Amino acid sequence: MAQLDCIFHPKSVAIIGASSREGSFGHLFLRGFIKMGFKDIYPVHPREKDLLGLKAYSSVKDIPYEVDLAILLIPPGEALRVVQECADKRVKGIVLFTAGFGEKSKEGKKIEQEMVRIIRKAGVRLIGPNTNGLYVPSSRLLTLPGSLTAGGLTAESGGVSVFAQSGSFNDYTSQVLVSKNIRFNKVVSCGNESDLNSTDFLEYFGTDVETRIIGGYIEGINDGRKFYDLAKNISRQKPIIIWKGGLTETGAKAALAHTGSMSGSKQVWETMVKQAGIINVNSFEEMTDCLLAFSWLPLPEGKRVGIISGMGGD
C-alpha cells in the first residue's frame, strides 16, 4: 500500500520522452502537468536542455533529486534500458505507456517479464506497459491523452476511484462523469498488468479512506481467488461496480489482442460476482448510471425500505 501511495501521490515526476514538438505525447503530457499545477517536474530528453521553461536532463540518472514517479513515453526497443535506469535511480514507480509487448507476441511477453525482474529486484513498481496512466486530482496528476486534448477535467477531488484494463474507458468515463458533476479520487489504467494489476488496485481502493465508490473494467484476472476474497470483504463497506469484457467468443479474442488477457468463463464470472457482492454491469451506460446513482443517492441504513411506483409491473 505504501508503494502505491508513492504512485498516486508523487512529490516529483520525471517525464522520459518529454518533447517540445507540438502534437507529440511528450509535449502534451509536459504541458498537462504544468497546467494541472504539479510542482516538481523533470523532463528527460537526450538532446534538449530546456523544455517549456523547465530544465531538461539527458537521462533519469542525471536528475540530482529523488524521483517518485517516472512517466515513460519511449519506443519499445528502449524500454529495457530505460526501465533499468529507473531501477538504478530507485524511482518508486513507473508508468510505461509504450505498447507492443505481451499483447503482440511471445517475444514481447519475455521482455515484459525481464522488466518485472529488474524492477522487483530494485523494489520499484510498474503500471503497464500499454497503459495511458493516471488521473489523481488531489495530486495534480493527469496523463489521460484524450482528456488532456479535450480539456474539461478538474483538479477538484471526489470519492469515485476507477481501475480499468482499457485506457480509452478511463479517458471517456472521466470526461463524461466530470461533465455530470461527479468528482474522481483516483483513476488508473492497468494496461498489460505485467506487475501491478486489477487485484492490487482493488485492494488499495478498498483500504483507501478517500475512496467511497469503486468502479472497474477488466478483461482477465490473474488471481481469481484473491480478487474474490478481497471483493467479498470490500463490498460490505463500499460498492464495487465492474464491467467484465471478453465474455463472448468475439470479446475474448479482442481482449487477448488488446492486453493479452485470458478472459475466462461467463458462467464462472456471473456466479462469482453474485457471491462476492459485486455489482455487475454490461455496458458503458450501465457503468455510468451506477456510478451516478451511488454518488448522489444515499444507501438505505436498514431493511425498512418502501417503493412507490406508478407502474403496475413492479
Protein backbone atom coordinates (compact mmCIF):
# COMPACT_ATOMS: atom_id res chain seq x y z
CA MET A 1 0.00 0.00 0.00
CA ALA A 2 2.88 2.38 0.76
CA GLN A 3 4.35 1.71 -2.69
CA LEU A 4 1.06 2.61 -4.35
CA ASP A 5 0.79 5.76 -2.21
CA CYS A 6 4.00 6.99 -3.86
CA ILE A 7 2.48 6.37 -7.31
CA PHE A 8 -0.87 8.02 -6.62
CA HIS A 9 0.63 10.87 -4.58
CA PRO A 10 4.10 11.51 -6.02
CA LYS A 11 6.10 14.52 -4.88
CA SER A 12 8.18 14.52 -8.07
CA VAL A 13 7.69 13.26 -11.63
CA ALA A 14 10.18 12.57 -14.44
CA ILE A 15 8.72 12.63 -17.96
CA ILE A 16 11.06 10.45 -20.02
CA GLY A 17 10.38 11.28 -23.64
CA ALA A 18 9.30 14.87 -22.94
CA SER A 19 9.35 16.96 -26.10
CA SER A 20 8.97 20.46 -27.48
CA ARG A 21 7.31 19.08 -30.63
CA GLU A 22 3.67 20.12 -30.91
CA GLY A 23 1.33 17.14 -31.23
CA SER A 24 3.63 14.62 -29.53
CA PHE A 25 2.66 12.85 -26.31
CA GLY A 26 5.87 14.14 -24.73
CA HIS A 27 4.76 17.73 -25.36
CA LEU A 28 1.12 17.06 -24.43
CA PHE A 29 1.99 15.46 -21.09
CA LEU A 30 4.55 18.09 -20.13
CA ARG A 31 2.05 20.87 -20.82
CA GLY A 32 -0.60 18.91 -18.93
CA PHE A 33 1.49 18.60 -15.77
CA ILE A 34 2.31 22.29 -15.89
CA LYS A 35 -1.35 23.22 -16.44
CA MET A 36 -2.51 20.99 -13.56
CA GLY A 37 -0.09 22.84 -11.28
CA PHE A 38 2.25 19.94 -10.49
CA LYS A 39 5.41 21.39 -8.93
CA ASP A 40 8.49 19.20 -9.27
CA ILE A 41 8.61 18.13 -12.94
CA TYR A 42 11.82 16.80 -14.50
CA PRO A 43 11.69 16.48 -18.32
CA VAL A 44 14.11 13.92 -19.79
CA HIS A 45 15.34 14.29 -23.38
CA PRO A 46 18.65 13.09 -24.86
CA ARG A 47 19.45 16.45 -26.52
CA GLU A 48 17.24 19.27 -25.23
CA LYS A 49 18.49 21.43 -22.33
CA ASP A 50 15.26 23.31 -21.71
CA LEU A 51 11.63 22.31 -22.33
CA LEU A 52 8.72 24.71 -21.80
CA GLY A 53 10.82 26.70 -19.35
CA LEU A 54 11.93 23.65 -17.34
CA LYS A 55 15.49 22.32 -17.13
CA ALA A 56 15.76 19.08 -19.10
CA TYR A 57 18.05 16.13 -18.32
CA SER A 58 19.62 13.67 -20.75
CA SER A 59 18.82 10.67 -18.50
CA VAL A 60 16.76 9.97 -15.41
CA LYS A 61 20.02 9.13 -13.65
CA ASP A 62 21.23 12.71 -14.25
CA ILE A 63 18.39 14.20 -12.19
CA PRO A 64 20.02 15.34 -8.92
CA TYR A 65 16.83 14.84 -6.89
CA GLU A 66 14.67 11.94 -5.77
CA VAL A 67 12.08 10.84 -8.34
CA ASP A 68 8.85 9.30 -7.09
CA LEU A 69 7.21 8.59 -10.45
CA ALA A 70 8.64 8.15 -13.95
CA ILE A 71 6.36 8.53 -16.98
CA LEU A 72 7.87 6.59 -19.92
CA LEU A 73 6.98 7.73 -23.46
CA ILE A 74 9.63 5.80 -25.36
CA PRO A 75 9.99 3.37 -28.32
CA PRO A 76 9.59 -0.33 -27.42
CA GLY A 77 13.25 -1.00 -28.19
CA GLU A 78 14.32 1.46 -25.49
CA ALA A 79 12.09 0.03 -22.75
CA LEU A 80 14.50 -2.40 -21.08
CA ARG A 81 17.34 0.14 -20.98
CA VAL A 82 15.21 2.94 -19.57
CA VAL A 83 13.49 0.69 -17.01
CA GLN A 84 16.95 -0.41 -15.84
CA GLU A 85 17.99 3.25 -15.47
CA CYS A 86 14.85 3.95 -13.43
CA ALA A 87 15.64 0.95 -11.22
CA ASP A 88 19.22 2.18 -10.75
CA LYS A 89 17.85 5.60 -9.81
CA ARG A 90 15.50 3.92 -7.30
CA VAL A 91 12.45 5.59 -8.82
CA LYS A 92 9.49 4.47 -6.71
CA GLY A 93 7.01 3.92 -9.55
CA ILE A 94 6.99 3.66 -13.35
CA VAL A 95 4.11 4.23 -15.78
CA LEU A 96 5.06 2.65 -19.13
CA PHE A 97 2.81 3.93 -21.92
CA THR A 98 4.55 2.06 -24.73
CA ALA A 99 2.59 -0.78 -26.36
CA GLY A 100 3.82 -3.73 -28.44
CA PHE A 101 4.80 -6.24 -25.76
CA GLY A 102 2.83 -9.19 -24.33
CA GLU A 103 -0.32 -8.28 -26.26
CA LYS A 104 1.64 -8.59 -29.51
CA SER A 105 3.99 -11.59 -29.31
CA LYS A 106 5.73 -14.19 -27.16
CA GLU A 107 8.94 -12.19 -27.51
CA GLY A 108 7.13 -9.12 -26.21
CA LYS A 109 5.94 -11.16 -23.22
CA LYS A 110 9.52 -12.17 -22.45
CA ILE A 111 10.57 -8.50 -22.47
CA GLU A 112 7.75 -7.72 -20.02
CA GLN A 113 8.96 -10.49 -17.73
CA GLU A 114 12.51 -9.18 -17.86
CA MET A 115 11.32 -5.66 -16.98
CA VAL A 116 9.45 -7.07 -13.98
CA ARG A 117 12.54 -8.96 -12.86
CA ILE A 118 14.55 -5.70 -12.99
CA ILE A 119 12.07 -3.58 -11.07
CA ARG A 120 11.28 -6.12 -8.36
CA LYS A 121 14.96 -6.59 -7.64
CA ALA A 122 15.14 -2.82 -7.06
CA GLY A 123 11.85 -2.53 -5.14
CA VAL A 124 10.19 -0.47 -7.89
CA ARG A 125 6.56 -0.93 -9.04
CA LEU A 126 5.31 -0.62 -12.63
CA ILE A 127 1.97 0.19 -14.27
CA GLY A 128 1.70 -1.11 -17.83
CA PRO A 129 3.04 -1.43 -20.40
CA ASN A 130 0.31 -0.47 -22.87
CA THR A 131 -1.38 1.94 -20.45
CA ASN A 132 -2.49 5.57 -20.55
CA GLY A 133 -1.75 6.18 -16.93
CA LEU A 134 -3.44 8.10 -14.17
CA TYR A 135 -5.83 10.82 -13.12
CA VAL A 136 -5.50 11.88 -9.47
CA PRO A 137 -6.94 15.38 -8.98
CA SER A 138 -5.63 15.89 -5.43
CA SER A 139 -2.08 15.16 -6.64
CA ARG A 140 -2.42 17.34 -9.79
CA LEU A 141 -1.72 14.17 -11.76
CA LEU A 142 -3.22 13.71 -15.24
CA THR A 143 -1.90 11.57 -18.10
CA LEU A 144 -5.10 10.57 -19.94
CA PRO A 145 -4.34 11.73 -23.51
CA GLY A 146 -7.93 12.31 -24.63
CA SER A 147 -8.72 14.34 -21.54
CA LEU A 148 -5.55 16.40 -21.92
CA THR A 149 -6.53 17.18 -25.51
CA ALA A 150 -10.22 17.85 -24.86
CA GLY A 151 -9.75 19.61 -21.53
CA GLY A 152 -12.59 19.79 -19.04
CA LEU A 153 -11.17 17.62 -16.25
CA THR A 154 -10.91 19.33 -12.91
CA ALA A 155 -8.40 19.37 -10.06
CA GLU A 156 -11.34 19.03 -7.65
CA SER A 157 -11.31 15.64 -5.92
CA GLY A 158 -14.25 13.35 -5.06
CA GLY A 159 -14.94 9.83 -3.84
CA VAL A 160 -15.03 7.70 -7.03
CA SER A 161 -11.97 5.60 -7.89
CA VAL A 162 -11.71 3.51 -11.06
CA PHE A 163 -9.28 0.90 -12.40
CA ALA A 164 -9.50 -0.40 -15.97
CA GLN A 165 -7.64 -2.56 -18.44
CA SER A 166 -8.80 -0.14 -21.11
CA GLY A 167 -7.23 3.29 -21.25
CA SER A 168 -9.93 4.69 -23.51
CA PHE A 169 -12.56 3.54 -20.99
CA ASN A 170 -10.90 5.64 -18.29
CA ASP A 171 -10.45 8.59 -20.60
CA TYR A 172 -14.08 8.64 -21.77
CA THR A 173 -15.60 7.77 -18.39
CA SER A 174 -13.69 10.59 -16.71
CA GLN A 175 -14.80 13.16 -19.27
CA VAL A 176 -18.47 12.09 -19.25
CA LEU A 177 -18.88 11.89 -15.48
CA VAL A 178 -16.96 15.08 -14.69
CA SER A 179 -19.36 16.84 -17.08
CA LYS A 180 -22.17 15.44 -14.88
CA ASN A 181 -20.56 16.86 -11.72
CA ILE A 182 -19.06 13.58 -10.49
CA ARG A 183 -15.61 14.05 -8.99
CA PHE A 184 -12.96 11.35 -9.09
CA ASN A 185 -10.43 10.42 -6.47
CA LYS A 186 -8.14 8.10 -8.41
CA VAL A 187 -8.31 6.69 -11.94
CA VAL A 188 -5.74 4.19 -13.21
CA SER A 189 -5.27 2.30 -16.48
CA CYS A 190 -3.78 -1.16 -15.75
CA GLY A 191 -2.58 -1.94 -19.29
CA ASN A 192 -0.94 -5.35 -19.71
CA GLU A 193 -0.58 -5.76 -15.92
CA SER A 194 2.97 -7.08 -16.12
CA ASP A 195 3.48 -6.00 -12.48
CA LEU A 196 0.64 -4.11 -10.76
CA ASN A 197 -2.79 -5.46 -11.71
CA SER A 198 -6.53 -5.04 -11.12
CA THR A 199 -6.42 -7.05 -7.91
CA ASP A 200 -3.74 -4.75 -6.48
CA PHE A 201 -5.81 -1.67 -7.28
CA LEU A 202 -8.99 -3.23 -5.87
CA GLU A 203 -7.13 -3.94 -2.63
CA TYR A 204 -5.70 -0.42 -2.50
CA PHE A 205 -9.05 1.28 -3.17
CA GLY A 206 -10.67 -0.98 -0.57
CA THR A 207 -8.39 0.36 2.18
CA ASP A 208 -8.16 3.91 0.82
CA VAL A 209 -10.18 6.21 3.12
CA GLU A 210 -10.54 8.75 0.28
CA THR A 211 -12.34 6.21 -1.97
CA ARG A 212 -16.08 5.72 -1.34
CA ILE A 213 -17.11 4.03 -4.62
CA ILE A 214 -15.05 1.62 -6.76
CA GLY A 215 -15.55 1.11 -10.49
CA GLY A 216 -13.65 -1.17 -12.82
CA TYR A 217 -13.37 -2.51 -16.36
CA ILE A 218 -11.48 -5.81 -16.60
CA GLU A 219 -10.75 -8.34 -19.32
CA GLY A 220 -8.99 -11.01 -17.25
CA ILE A 221 -7.89 -11.68 -13.65
CA ASN A 222 -4.51 -13.19 -12.74
CA ASP A 223 -5.55 -14.46 -9.29
CA GLY A 224 -9.29 -15.12 -9.23
CA ARG A 225 -9.38 -16.42 -5.65
CA LYS A 226 -7.64 -13.35 -4.22
CA PHE A 227 -9.85 -11.00 -6.26
CA TYR A 228 -12.97 -12.80 -4.97
CA ASP A 229 -11.85 -12.75 -1.32
CA LEU A 230 -10.99 -9.04 -1.49
CA ALA A 231 -14.24 -8.10 -3.24
CA LYS A 232 -16.34 -10.07 -0.77
CA ASN A 233 -14.84 -8.12 2.15
CA ILE A 234 -14.70 -4.70 0.48
CA SER A 235 -18.25 -4.84 -0.90
CA ARG A 236 -19.58 -4.82 2.68
CA GLN A 237 -18.21 -1.29 3.10
CA LYS A 238 -18.07 0.16 -0.42
CA PRO A 239 -19.98 -0.54 -3.66
CA ILE A 240 -17.86 -2.27 -6.32
CA ILE A 241 -19.17 -1.85 -9.87
CA ILE A 242 -17.45 -3.97 -12.53
CA TRP A 243 -17.86 -4.29 -16.29
CA LYS A 244 -16.27 -7.52 -17.47
CA GLY A 245 -15.13 -7.55 -21.08
CA GLY A 246 -14.41 -10.64 -23.17
CA LEU A 247 -17.39 -12.76 -22.08
CA THR A 248 -18.37 -13.63 -25.67
CA GLU A 249 -16.17 -15.57 -28.10
CA THR A 250 -15.52 -12.43 -30.14
CA GLY A 251 -14.90 -10.39 -27.00
CA ALA A 252 -12.41 -12.94 -25.68
CA LYS A 253 -10.38 -12.68 -28.91
CA ALA A 254 -10.46 -8.89 -28.68
CA ALA A 255 -9.28 -8.96 -25.05
CA LEU A 256 -6.37 -11.23 -25.94
CA ALA A 257 -5.27 -8.87 -28.73
CA HIS A 258 -5.85 -5.76 -26.60
CA THR A 259 -3.96 -6.52 -23.37
CA GLY A 260 -3.02 -10.19 -23.72
CA SER A 261 -5.65 -11.15 -21.10
CA MET A 262 -7.37 -14.54 -20.96
CA SER A 263 -10.97 -13.58 -20.24
CA GLY A 264 -12.37 -16.81 -18.73
CA SER A 265 -15.86 -18.32 -18.41
CA LYS A 266 -19.01 -16.19 -18.42
CA GLN A 267 -20.82 -18.60 -16.07
CA VAL A 268 -17.95 -18.59 -13.54
CA TRP A 269 -17.78 -14.80 -13.63
CA GLU A 270 -21.52 -14.28 -13.12
CA THR A 271 -21.56 -16.72 -10.20
CA MET A 272 -18.52 -15.13 -8.60
CA VAL A 273 -19.86 -11.56 -8.71
CA LYS A 274 -23.12 -12.64 -7.04
CA GLN A 275 -21.26 -14.38 -4.23
CA ALA A 276 -18.76 -11.52 -3.78
CA GLY A 277 -21.37 -8.75 -3.74
CA ILE A 278 -20.03 -7.07 -6.88
CA ILE A 279 -22.49 -5.02 -8.94
CA ASN A 280 -22.17 -6.48 -12.44
CA VAL A 281 -22.79 -4.18 -15.42
CA ASN A 282 -22.65 -4.95 -19.14
CA SER A 283 -22.18 -1.60 -20.85
CA PHE A 284 -20.67 1.83 -20.51
CA GLU A 285 -24.16 3.27 -19.97
CA GLU A 286 -24.85 0.87 -17.08
CA MET A 287 -21.49 1.70 -15.53
CA THR A 288 -22.06 5.47 -15.63
CA ASP A 289 -25.65 5.12 -14.37
CA CYS A 290 -24.48 3.08 -11.37
CA LEU A 291 -21.64 5.49 -10.56
CA LEU A 292 -24.09 8.39 -10.74
CA ALA A 293 -26.66 6.58 -8.56
CA PHE A 294 -24.19 5.61 -5.84
CA SER A 295 -22.66 9.09 -5.90
CA TRP A 296 -25.92 11.01 -5.49
CA LEU A 297 -28.35 8.62 -3.77
CA PRO A 298 -27.71 7.65 -0.13
CA LEU A 299 -27.67 3.95 0.71
CA PRO A 300 -30.53 2.72 2.95
CA GLU A 301 -29.39 2.08 6.51
CA GLY A 302 -31.72 -0.86 7.15
CA LYS A 303 -34.35 -3.18 5.65
CA ARG A 304 -37.32 -0.83 6.20
CA VAL A 305 -37.45 0.32 2.58
CA GLY A 306 -40.64 1.25 0.77
CA ILE A 307 -41.06 1.54 -3.02
CA ILE A 308 -43.72 3.71 -4.63
CA SER A 309 -44.31 3.37 -8.37
CA GLY A 310 -46.86 4.45 -10.92
CA MET A 311 -46.32 1.26 -12.90
CA GLY A 312 -48.29 -1.97 -12.33
CA GLY A 313 -45.50 -4.38 -13.25
CA ASP A 314 -43.17 -3.65 -10.32
